[in-house]
PDB file of N, CA and C in Angstrom:
ATOM      1  N   MET A   1      83.252  76.518-119.268  1.00  0.00           N
ATOM      2  CA  MET A   1      82.496  75.514-118.450  1.00  0.00           C
ATOM      3  C   MET A   1      81.360  76.333-117.734  1.00  0.00           C
ATOM      4  N   LYS A   2      80.211  75.706-117.619  1.00  0.00           N
ATOM      5  CA  LYS A   2      79.083  76.120-116.850  1.00  0.00           C
ATOM      6  C   LYS A   2      78.789  75.220-115.727  1.00  0.00           C
ATOM      7  N   LYS A   3      77.928  75.595-114.787  1.00  0.00           N
ATOM      8  CA  LYS A   3      77.419  74.794-113.728  1.00  0.00           C
ATOM      9  C   LYS A   3      76.001  75.183-113.386  1.00  0.00           C
ATOM     10  N   PHE A   4      75.250  74.245-112.834  1.00  0.00           N
ATOM     11  CA  PHE A   4      73.950  74.359-112.485  1.00  0.00           C
ATOM     12  C   PHE A   4      73.683  73.541-111.178  1.00  0.00           C
ATOM     13  N   ARG A   5      73.000  74.142-110.164  1.00  0.00           N
ATOM     14  CA  ARG A   5      72.617  73.415-109.081  1.00  0.00           C
ATOM     15  C   ARG A   5      70.989  73.251-109.032  1.00  0.00           C
ATOM     16  N   CYS A   6      70.627  72.058-109.093  1.00  0.00           N
ATOM     17  CA  CYS A   6      69.105  71.706-109.164  1.00  0.00           C
ATOM     18  C   CYS A   6      68.336  72.475-108.061  1.00  0.00           C
ATOM     19  N   GLY A   7      69.070  72.441-106.914  1.00  0.00           N
ATOM     20  CA  GLY A   7      68.334  73.003-105.652  1.00  0.00           C
ATOM     21  C   GLY A   7      68.021  74.572-105.900  1.00  0.00           C
ATOM     22  N   ASP A   8      68.659  75.224-106.998  1.00  0.00           N
ATOM     23  CA  ASP A   8      68.305  76.660-107.324  1.00  0.00           C
ATOM     24  C   ASP A   8      67.009  76.702-107.967  1.00  0.00           C
ATOM     25  N   VAL A   9      66.402  75.601-108.446  1.00  0.00           N
ATOM     26  CA  VAL A   9      65.141  75.515-109.066  1.00  0.00           C
ATOM     27  C   VAL A   9      64.233  74.735-108.191  1.00  0.00           C
ATOM     28  N   VAL A  10      64.699  73.535-107.695  1.00  0.00           N
ATOM     29  CA  VAL A  10      63.876  72.646-107.000  1.00  0.00           C
ATOM     30  C   VAL A  10      64.276  72.621-105.533  1.00  0.00           C
ATOM     31  N   PRO A  11      63.689  73.312-104.700  1.00  0.00           N
ATOM     32  CA  PRO A  11      64.278  73.357-103.335  1.00  0.00           C
ATOM     33  C   PRO A  11      64.414  72.029-102.637  1.00  0.00           C
ATOM     34  N   GLY A  12      65.687  71.868-102.011  1.00  0.00           N
ATOM     35  CA  GLY A  12      65.946  70.588-101.355  1.00  0.00           C
ATOM     36  C   GLY A  12      66.770  69.620-102.157  1.00  0.00           C
ATOM     37  N   CYS A  13      66.830  69.759-103.362  1.00  0.00           N
ATOM     38  CA  CYS A  13      67.668  68.906-104.198  1.00  0.00           C
ATOM     39  C   CYS A  13      69.002  69.348-104.386  1.00  0.00           C
ATOM     40  N   THR A  14      69.887  68.275-104.057  1.00  0.00           N
ATOM     41  CA  THR A  14      71.352  68.538-103.878  1.00  0.00           C
ATOM     42  C   THR A  14      72.182  68.208-105.160  1.00  0.00           C
ATOM     43  N   ARG A  15      71.505  67.860-106.250  1.00  0.00           N
ATOM     44  CA  ARG A  15      72.356  67.396-107.478  1.00  0.00           C
ATOM     45  C   ARG A  15      72.877  68.726-108.034  1.00  0.00           C
ATOM     46  N   ALA A  16      74.050  68.607-108.680  1.00  0.00           N
ATOM     47  CA  ALA A  16      74.776  69.641-109.377  1.00  0.00           C
ATOM     48  C   ALA A  16      75.340  69.096-110.729  1.00  0.00           C
ATOM     49  N   PHE A  17      75.353  70.020-111.700  1.00  0.00           N
ATOM     50  CA  PHE A  17      75.895  69.549-113.014  1.00  0.00           C
ATOM     51  C   PHE A  17      76.900  70.647-113.440  1.00  0.00           C
ATOM     52  N   THR A  18      77.880  69.975-114.267  1.00  0.00           N
ATOM     53  CA  THR A  18      78.857  70.981-115.008  1.00  0.00           C
ATOM     54  C   THR A  18      78.985  70.572-116.472  1.00  0.00           C
ATOM     55  N   GLY A  19      79.461  71.400-117.174  1.00  0.00           N
ATOM     56  CA  GLY A  19      79.503  71.111-118.650  1.00  0.00           C
ATOM     57  C   GLY A  19      79.119  72.373-119.568  1.00  0.00           C
ATOM     58  N   SER A  20      78.975  72.060-120.693  1.00  0.00           N
ATOM     59  CA  SER A  20      78.276  73.134-121.693  1.00  0.00           C
ATOM     60  C   SER A  20      76.837  73.340-121.191  1.00  0.00           C
ATOM     61  N   THR A  21      76.308  74.454-121.631  1.00  0.00           N
ATOM     62  CA  THR A  21      74.797  74.560-121.388  1.00  0.00           C
ATOM     63  C   THR A  21      74.018  73.514-121.909  1.00  0.00           C
ATOM     64  N   ASP A  22      74.308  73.042-123.147  1.00  0.00           N
ATOM     65  CA  ASP A  22      73.615  71.899-123.794  1.00  0.00           C
ATOM     66  C   ASP A  22      73.711  70.600-123.052  1.00  0.00           C
ATOM     67  N   GLU A  23      75.056  70.304-122.689  1.00  0.00           N
ATOM     68  CA  GLU A  23      75.264  69.051-121.737  1.00  0.00           C
ATOM     69  C   GLU A  23      74.516  69.215-120.456  1.00  0.00           C
ATOM     70  N   ILE A  24      74.436  70.324-119.792  1.00  0.00           N
ATOM     71  CA  ILE A  24      73.726  70.450-118.516  1.00  0.00           C
ATOM     72  C   ILE A  24      72.260  70.181-118.829  1.00  0.00           C
ATOM     73  N   LEU A  25      71.712  70.760-119.966  1.00  0.00           N
ATOM     74  CA  LEU A  25      70.283  70.651-120.153  1.00  0.00           C
ATOM     75  C   LEU A  25      69.796  69.062-120.349  1.00  0.00           C
ATOM     76  N   LEU A  26      70.701  68.510-121.139  1.00  0.00           N
ATOM     77  CA  LEU A  26      70.369  67.039-121.250  1.00  0.00           C
ATOM     78  C   LEU A  26      70.612  66.220-120.067  1.00  0.00           C
ATOM     79  N   ALA A  27      71.528  66.545-119.280  1.00  0.00           N
ATOM     80  CA  ALA A  27      71.681  65.830-117.905  1.00  0.00           C
ATOM     81  C   ALA A  27      70.614  66.121-117.002  1.00  0.00           C
ATOM     82  N   VAL A  28      70.184  67.446-116.958  1.00  0.00           N
ATOM     83  CA  VAL A  28      69.105  67.838-116.050  1.00  0.00           C
ATOM     84  C   VAL A  28      67.724  67.151-116.486  1.00  0.00           C
ATOM     85  N   ALA A  29      67.552  67.118-117.865  1.00  0.00           N
ATOM     86  CA  ALA A  29      66.247  66.471-118.339  1.00  0.00           C
ATOM     87  C   ALA A  29      66.228  64.941-117.763  1.00  0.00           C
ATOM     88  N   ALA A  30      67.226  64.249-118.018  1.00  0.00           N
ATOM     89  CA  ALA A  30      67.397  62.915-117.456  1.00  0.00           C
ATOM     90  C   ALA A  30      67.209  62.882-115.833  1.00  0.00           C
ATOM     91  N   HIS A  31      67.772  63.749-115.270  1.00  0.00           N
ATOM     92  CA  HIS A  31      67.652  63.750-113.816  1.00  0.00           C
ATOM     93  C   HIS A  31      66.197  64.070-113.380  1.00  0.00           C
ATOM     94  N   ALA A  32      65.557  65.035-114.091  1.00  0.00           N
ATOM     95  CA  ALA A  32      64.187  65.374-113.806  1.00  0.00           C
ATOM     96  C   ALA A  32      63.203  64.160-113.974  1.00  0.00           C
ATOM     97  N   ARG A  33      63.464  63.379-114.939  1.00  0.00           N
ATOM     98  CA  ARG A  33      62.726  62.176-115.253  1.00  0.00           C
ATOM     99  C   ARG A  33      62.998  61.128-114.141  1.00  0.00           C
ATOM    100  N   ALA A  34      64.415  60.910-113.772  1.00  0.00           N
ATOM    101  CA  ALA A  34      64.621  59.706-112.936  1.00  0.00           C
ATOM    102  C   ALA A  34      64.452  60.097-111.413  1.00  0.00           C
ATOM    103  N   ASP A  35      64.653  61.298-111.039  1.00  0.00           N
ATOM    104  CA  ASP A  35      64.656  61.703-109.600  1.00  0.00           C
ATOM    105  C   ASP A  35      63.422  62.572-109.213  1.00  0.00           C
ATOM    106  N   HIS A  36      62.887  63.254-110.105  1.00  0.00           N
ATOM    107  CA  HIS A  36      61.736  64.081-109.816  1.00  0.00           C
ATOM    108  C   HIS A  36      60.499  63.509-110.464  1.00  0.00           C
ATOM    109  N   GLY A  37      60.497  62.467-111.127  1.00  0.00           N
ATOM    110  CA  GLY A  37      59.174  61.980-111.740  1.00  0.00           C
ATOM    111  C   GLY A  37      58.640  62.637-112.884  1.00  0.00           C
ATOM    112  N   LEU A  38      59.297  63.554-113.577  1.00  0.00           N
ATOM    113  CA  LEU A  38      58.806  64.330-114.660  1.00  0.00           C
ATOM    114  C   LEU A  38      58.817  63.482-116.004  1.00  0.00           C
ATOM    115  N   ASP A  39      57.819  63.036-116.571  1.00  0.00           N
ATOM    116  CA  ASP A  39      57.759  62.479-117.905  1.00  0.00           C
ATOM    117  C   ASP A  39      58.266  63.356-118.963  1.00  0.00           C
ATOM    118  N   GLU A  40      57.877  64.535-118.978  1.00  0.00           N
ATOM    119  CA  GLU A  40      58.282  65.642-119.798  1.00  0.00           C
ATOM    120  C   GLU A  40      58.692  66.813-119.050  1.00  0.00           C
ATOM    121  N   VAL A  41      59.748  67.579-119.469  1.00  0.00           N
ATOM    122  CA  VAL A  41      60.215  68.812-118.715  1.00  0.00           C
ATOM    123  C   VAL A  41      59.487  70.025-119.446  1.00  0.00           C
ATOM    124  N   PRO A  42      58.646  70.763-118.589  1.00  0.00           N
ATOM    125  CA  PRO A  42      57.914  71.772-119.159  1.00  0.00           C
ATOM    126  C   PRO A  42      58.872  72.947-119.666  1.00  0.00           C
ATOM    127  N   GLN A  43      58.453  73.626-120.615  1.00  0.00           N
ATOM    128  CA  GLN A  43      59.430  74.742-121.236  1.00  0.00           C
ATOM    129  C   GLN A  43      59.602  75.783-120.039  1.00  0.00           C
ATOM    130  N   GLU A  44      58.665  76.072-119.167  1.00  0.00           N
ATOM    131  CA  GLU A  44      58.943  76.983-118.027  1.00  0.00           C
ATOM    132  C   GLU A  44      60.043  76.591-117.185  1.00  0.00           C
ATOM    133  N   LEU A  45      60.261  75.274-116.980  1.00  0.00           N
ATOM    134  CA  LEU A  45      61.285  74.674-116.218  1.00  0.00           C
ATOM    135  C   LEU A  45      62.597  74.847-116.933  1.00  0.00           C
ATOM    136  N   VAL A  46      62.465  74.467-118.245  1.00  0.00           N
ATOM    137  CA  VAL A  46      63.749  74.716-118.948  1.00  0.00           C
ATOM    138  C   VAL A  46      64.279  76.046-118.987  1.00  0.00           C
ATOM    139  N   LEU A  47      63.489  77.004-118.951  1.00  0.00           N
ATOM    140  CA  LEU A  47      63.813  78.540-118.960  1.00  0.00           C
ATOM    141  C   LEU A  47      64.360  78.738-117.571  1.00  0.00           C
ATOM    142  N   GLN A  48      63.871  78.361-116.443  1.00  0.00           N
ATOM    143  CA  GLN A  48      64.319  78.364-115.175  1.00  0.00           C
ATOM    144  C   GLN A  48      65.771  77.780-115.064  1.00  0.00           C
ATOM    145  N   VAL A  49      65.941  76.725-115.562  1.00  0.00           N
ATOM    146  CA  VAL A  49      67.207  75.992-115.528  1.00  0.00           C
ATOM    147  C   VAL A  49      68.292  76.879-116.371  1.00  0.00           C
ATOM    148  N   ARG A  50      67.803  77.359-117.566  1.00  0.00           N
ATOM    149  CA  ARG A  50      68.850  78.161-118.359  1.00  0.00           C
ATOM    150  C   ARG A  50      69.152  79.391-117.564  1.00  0.00           C
ATOM    151  N   ASP A  51      68.206  79.959-116.783  1.00  0.00           N
ATOM    152  CA  ASP A  51      68.528  81.306-116.145  1.00  0.00           C
ATOM    153  C   ASP A  51      69.443  81.053-114.952  1.00  0.00           C
ATOM    154  N   ALA A  52      69.435  79.783-114.442  1.00  0.00           N
ATOM    155  CA  ALA A  52      70.256  79.491-113.279  1.00  0.00           C
ATOM    156  C   ALA A  52      71.495  78.853-113.598  1.00  0.00           C
ATOM    157  N   VAL A  53      71.873  78.616-114.906  1.00  0.00           N
ATOM    158  CA  VAL A  53      73.178  78.160-115.365  1.00  0.00           C
ATOM    159  C   VAL A  53      74.177  79.220-115.186  1.00  0.00           C
ATOM    160  N   VAL A  54      75.308  79.042-114.616  1.00  0.00           N
ATOM    161  CA  VAL A  54      76.308  80.219-114.374  1.00  0.00           C
ATOM    162  C   VAL A  54      77.704  79.581-114.704  1.00  0.00           C
ATOM    163  N   ASP A  55      78.658  80.507-114.933  1.00  0.00           N
ATOM    164  CA  ASP A  55      79.998  80.148-115.225  1.00  0.00           C
ATOM    165  C   ASP A  55      80.550  79.537-113.990  1.00  0.00           C
ATOM    166  N   ALA A  56      81.321  78.411-114.291  1.00  0.00           N
ATOM    167  CA  ALA A  56      81.929  77.598-113.288  1.00  0.00           C
ATOM    168  C   ALA A  56      83.297  78.191-112.834  1.00  0.00           C
TER     169      ALA A  56
END
């Protein structure tokens, strides 16, 4: 199992996600659209998220 804290990439955000890396990426993409107003998640952001995913 993996975990990711959005605040590690977007200062001030308190959302956290757990699951497989793929599950986390899907959930983070939905979160980015709903809570951060991103219509599309830039590849650079995807890479930052991947780098910040750690073992739970």
